[in-house]
Amino acid sequence: MRASWKQESKDMAETTTLETVREATGGRLERARLFLSEVRNELKRVTWPGSKEVYATTVVVILVSVFFGVYLFVLDFGLLKLVQWIFKMFGVSGPTA
């Protein structure tokens, strides 16, 4: 079973490659046209998300971004205060906010 799958895949790759080479022998312009045509065909096969899914994922991204922004702000502020306190304990002028 596995050998036939590999052989089918190899045959398909060779056929596609031969067809592509035959079609693309017209020069750079033809190859560019072929590439864009293949891109267009591939984009037609894409399953695009629905508006509800886009909305939901957008909300998740915004909420996670806000959460981590606040988290990093609090962490940064806390570390700044800690460093200032340590410098104050030893009488060294340190970072200021």
C-alpha atoms as a PDB file:
ATOM      1  CA  MET A   1       0.000   0.000   0.000  1.00  0.00           C
ATOM      2  CA  ARG A   2       2.734   2.423   0.906  1.00  0.00           C
ATOM      3  CA  ALA A   3       4.736   1.719  -2.254  1.00  0.00           C
ATOM      4  CA  SER A   4       1.730   2.419  -4.476  1.00  0.00           C
ATOM      5  CA  TRP A   5       1.078   5.711  -2.702  1.00  0.00           C
ATOM      6  CA  LYS A   6       4.682   6.765  -3.255  1.00  0.00           C
ATOM      7  CA  GLN A   7       4.544   5.695  -6.883  1.00  0.00           C
ATOM      8  CA  GLU A   8       1.280   7.563  -7.501  1.00  0.00           C
ATOM      9  CA  SER A   9       2.732  10.667  -5.893  1.00  0.00           C
ATOM     10  CA  LYS A  10       5.892  10.381  -7.971  1.00  0.00           C
ATOM     11  CA  ASP A  11       3.921   9.847 -11.193  1.00  0.00           C
ATOM     12  CA  MET A  12       1.715  12.835 -10.451  1.00  0.00           C
ATOM     13  CA  ALA A  13       4.747  15.018  -9.661  1.00  0.00           C
ATOM     14  CA  GLU A  14       6.477  13.989 -12.888  1.00  0.00           C
ATOM     15  CA  THR A  15       3.348  14.627 -14.958  1.00  0.00           C
ATOM     16  CA  THR A  16       2.763  18.003 -13.368  1.00  0.00           C
ATOM     17  CA  THR A  17       6.413  18.932 -13.779  1.00  0.00           C
ATOM     18  CA  LEU A  18       6.472  17.910 -17.437  1.00  0.00           C
ATOM     19  CA  GLU A  19       3.275  19.818 -18.181  1.00  0.00           C
ATOM     20  CA  THR A  20       4.542  22.865 -16.348  1.00  0.00           C
ATOM     21  CA  VAL A  21       7.890  22.779 -18.148  1.00  0.00           C
ATOM     22  CA  ARG A  22       6.199  22.435 -21.527  1.00  0.00           C
ATOM     23  CA  GLU A  23       3.890  25.354 -20.794  1.00  0.00           C
ATOM     24  CA  ALA A  24       6.642  27.515 -19.305  1.00  0.00           C
ATOM     25  CA  THR A  25       9.181  27.238 -22.127  1.00  0.00           C
ATOM     26  CA  GLY A  26       7.897  30.480 -23.650  1.00  0.00           C
ATOM     27  CA  GLY A  27      10.172  32.695 -21.585  1.00  0.00           C
ATOM     28  CA  ARG A  28       9.915  34.800 -18.498  1.00  0.00           C
ATOM     29  CA  LEU A  29       6.622  36.431 -19.400  1.00  0.00           C
ATOM     30  CA  GLU A  30       4.959  33.068 -19.995  1.00  0.00           C
ATOM     31  CA  ARG A  31       6.374  31.664 -16.765  1.00  0.00           C
ATOM     32  CA  ALA A  32       5.129  34.695 -14.847  1.00  0.00           C
ATOM     33  CA  ARG A  33       1.702  34.336 -16.443  1.00  0.00           C
ATOM     34  CA  LEU A  34       1.679  30.623 -15.594  1.00  0.00           C
ATOM     35  CA  PHE A  35       2.688  31.347 -12.009  1.00  0.00           C
ATOM     36  CA  LEU A  36      -0.060  33.925 -11.556  1.00  0.00           C
ATOM     37  CA  SER A  37      -2.579  31.571 -13.118  1.00  0.00           C
ATOM     38  CA  GLU A  38      -1.594  28.813 -10.693  1.00  0.00           C
ATOM     39  CA  VAL A  39      -1.798  31.240  -7.777  1.00  0.00           C
ATOM     40  CA  ARG A  40      -5.297  32.269  -8.844  1.00  0.00           C
ATOM     41  CA  ASN A  41      -6.381  28.631  -9.134  1.00  0.00           C
ATOM     42  CA  GLU A  42      -4.921  27.829  -5.722  1.00  0.00           C
ATOM     43  CA  LEU A  43      -6.682  30.793  -4.113  1.00  0.00           C
ATOM     44  CA  LYS A  44      -9.997  29.530  -5.481  1.00  0.00           C
ATOM     45  CA  ARG A  45      -9.488  26.329  -3.466  1.00  0.00           C
ATOM     46  CA  VAL A  46      -8.884  28.166  -0.187  1.00  0.00           C
ATOM     47  CA  THR A  47     -11.595  27.896   2.445  1.00  0.00           C
ATOM     48  CA  TRP A  48     -12.038  31.445   3.675  1.00  0.00           C
ATOM     49  CA  PRO A  49     -13.309  32.071   7.224  1.00  0.00           C
ATOM     50  CA  GLY A  50     -16.789  33.421   7.749  1.00  0.00           C
ATOM     51  CA  SER A  51     -17.494  36.843   9.222  1.00  0.00           C
ATOM     52  CA  LYS A  52     -18.362  35.382  12.649  1.00  0.00           C
ATOM     53  CA  GLU A  53     -15.052  33.532  12.800  1.00  0.00           C
ATOM     54  CA  VAL A  54     -13.109  36.624  11.722  1.00  0.00           C
ATOM     55  CA  TYR A  55     -14.912  38.724  14.344  1.00  0.00           C
ATOM     56  CA  ALA A  56     -14.286  36.159  17.088  1.00  0.00           C
ATOM     57  CA  THR A  57     -10.586  35.780  16.334  1.00  0.00           C
ATOM     58  CA  THR A  58     -10.176  39.555  16.065  1.00  0.00           C
ATOM     59  CA  VAL A  59     -11.722  39.994  19.507  1.00  0.00           C
ATOM     60  CA  VAL A  60      -9.427  37.299  20.920  1.00  0.00           C
ATOM     61  CA  VAL A  61      -6.337  38.954  19.429  1.00  0.00           C
ATOM     62  CA  ILE A  62      -7.311  42.369  20.799  1.00  0.00           C
ATOM     63  CA  LEU A  63      -8.080  41.021  24.277  1.00  0.00           C
ATOM     64  CA  VAL A  64      -4.858  39.000  24.465  1.00  0.00           C
ATOM     65  CA  SER A  65      -2.860  42.022  23.262  1.00  0.00           C
ATOM     66  CA  VAL A  66      -4.436  44.264  25.905  1.00  0.00           C
ATOM     67  CA  PHE A  67      -3.890  41.641  28.601  1.00  0.00           C
ATOM     68  CA  PHE A  68      -0.204  41.180  27.802  1.00  0.00           C
ATOM     69  CA  GLY A  69       0.269  44.940  27.391  1.00  0.00           C
ATOM     70  CA  VAL A  70      -1.106  45.550  30.877  1.00  0.00           C
ATOM     71  CA  TYR A  71       0.861  42.592  32.256  1.00  0.00           C
ATOM     72  CA  LEU A  72       4.147  43.862  30.815  1.00  0.00           C
ATOM     73  CA  PHE A  73       3.415  47.404  32.016  1.00  0.00           C
ATOM     74  CA  VAL A  74       2.800  46.189  35.577  1.00  0.00           C
ATOM     75  CA  LEU A  75       5.885  43.947  35.465  1.00  0.00           C
ATOM     76  CA  ASP A  76       8.073  46.755  34.112  1.00  0.00           C
ATOM     77  CA  PHE A  77       6.743  49.253  36.639  1.00  0.00           C
ATOM     78  CA  GLY A  78       7.227  46.781  39.500  1.00  0.00           C
ATOM     79  CA  LEU A  79      10.801  45.997  38.477  1.00  0.00           C
ATOM     80  CA  LEU A  80      11.564  49.711  38.139  1.00  0.00           C
ATOM     81  CA  LYS A  81      10.292  50.361  41.661  1.00  0.00           C
ATOM     82  CA  LEU A  82      12.276  47.376  42.968  1.00  0.00           C
ATOM     83  CA  VAL A  83      15.498  48.623  41.371  1.00  0.00           C
ATOM     84  CA  GLN A  84      14.860  52.153  42.662  1.00  0.00           C
ATOM     85  CA  TRP A  85      14.296  50.762  46.165  1.00  0.00           C
ATOM     86  CA  ILE A  86      17.520  48.713  45.989  1.00  0.00           C
ATOM     87  CA  PHE A  87      19.517  51.745  44.826  1.00  0.00           C
ATOM     88  CA  LYS A  88      17.918  53.862  47.548  1.00  0.00           C
ATOM     89  CA  MET A  89      18.901  51.273  50.179  1.00  0.00           C
ATOM     90  CA  PHE A  90      22.580  51.535  49.174  1.00  0.00           C
ATOM     91  CA  GLY A  91      22.529  55.295  48.625  1.00  0.00           C
ATOM     92  CA  VAL A  92      23.330  55.082  44.924  1.00  0.00           C
ATOM     93  CA  SER A  93      21.621  57.296  42.389  1.00  0.00           C
ATOM     94  CA  GLY A  94      19.830  54.928  40.043  1.00  0.00           C
ATOM     95  CA  PRO A  95      17.192  54.968  37.360  1.00  0.00           C
ATOM     96  CA  THR A  96      14.446  57.515  37.669  1.00  0.00           C
ATOM     97  CA  ALA A  97      10.927  57.359  36.387  1.00  0.00           C
END
